[in-house]
């Protein structure tokens, strides 16, 4: 099984697997009394009665570079076998952006410079030299692709290949700045007593609307008890938030010491500041 990329096992029901089901049924019908001796005959056949053959088609890796058809068209004006009219038209349009000097193919750049086209093996050597060679600075994938362009080389998958090459670089994995890591240790916000710290947020528009036209849910949760207060509205405005805090929080549980929001315009405004003061 190690030679396969993926393997899927499917359960075949007994009605669809009659040969195996018949053998299992026959073996279950044989009755052997206690103490009875039976002679078991072993017979061999050169071929199995029932089998399935799994074949794996291996595609031969292409030995031709990505620019083979373009170069052949510029050299001889030929197309690949079985090419349709659309394929021929596409090849002619692509070939207009390339220039052939003897046996070397160049890509015309937007600034009228010529970039030498390289195959996959040359591309790997170029990425290694530019990224980690004598003058290599272990730049990121985007900068690596730009440096290779400035060195006048080109291949179709340059950007994605550069990103993959940087990801496989051992030194970059060790010494690179991890931007997804927090700059400092994260700490949980703990409330000292019940109803002293509230978190308020708005749930996005809900479809379909309620019978009264309400689409938004304004929710407040207590950090200590995890108690939730929620109310639905047709729209969430500044006055709606202030009225919700007065009615559903302050009048029921008292004035909280802290109110945590996501700094939305309807949650962090002048009316909220005046209410807290």
Foldseek 3Di string as FASTA:
>chain_A
DVVDPDDDDDDDDCVRVVVVVVVVVVVVPDDDDPPDDDDDDDDDDPDDPDDDDDDDDDDDDDPDFPCVQLQCCVVPVDGDPPDDPVRSVVSVVVNVQWDDDPHWIWGQDPVRDTATEDGPVVLVVLLCCCCPNPPHDNDALVVSLVVNVVVRHDDDCSSVVSNVVSVPDPVCVVPPDDPVDDPDDDDDDADPDWLQEKEKDKDDFDPPADPVQWGIKIWIAIRHPRDIDIDTDNDQALVNVLVCCVPVRCVPPNDHNYYHYPPDPSCDDDVNVVSND
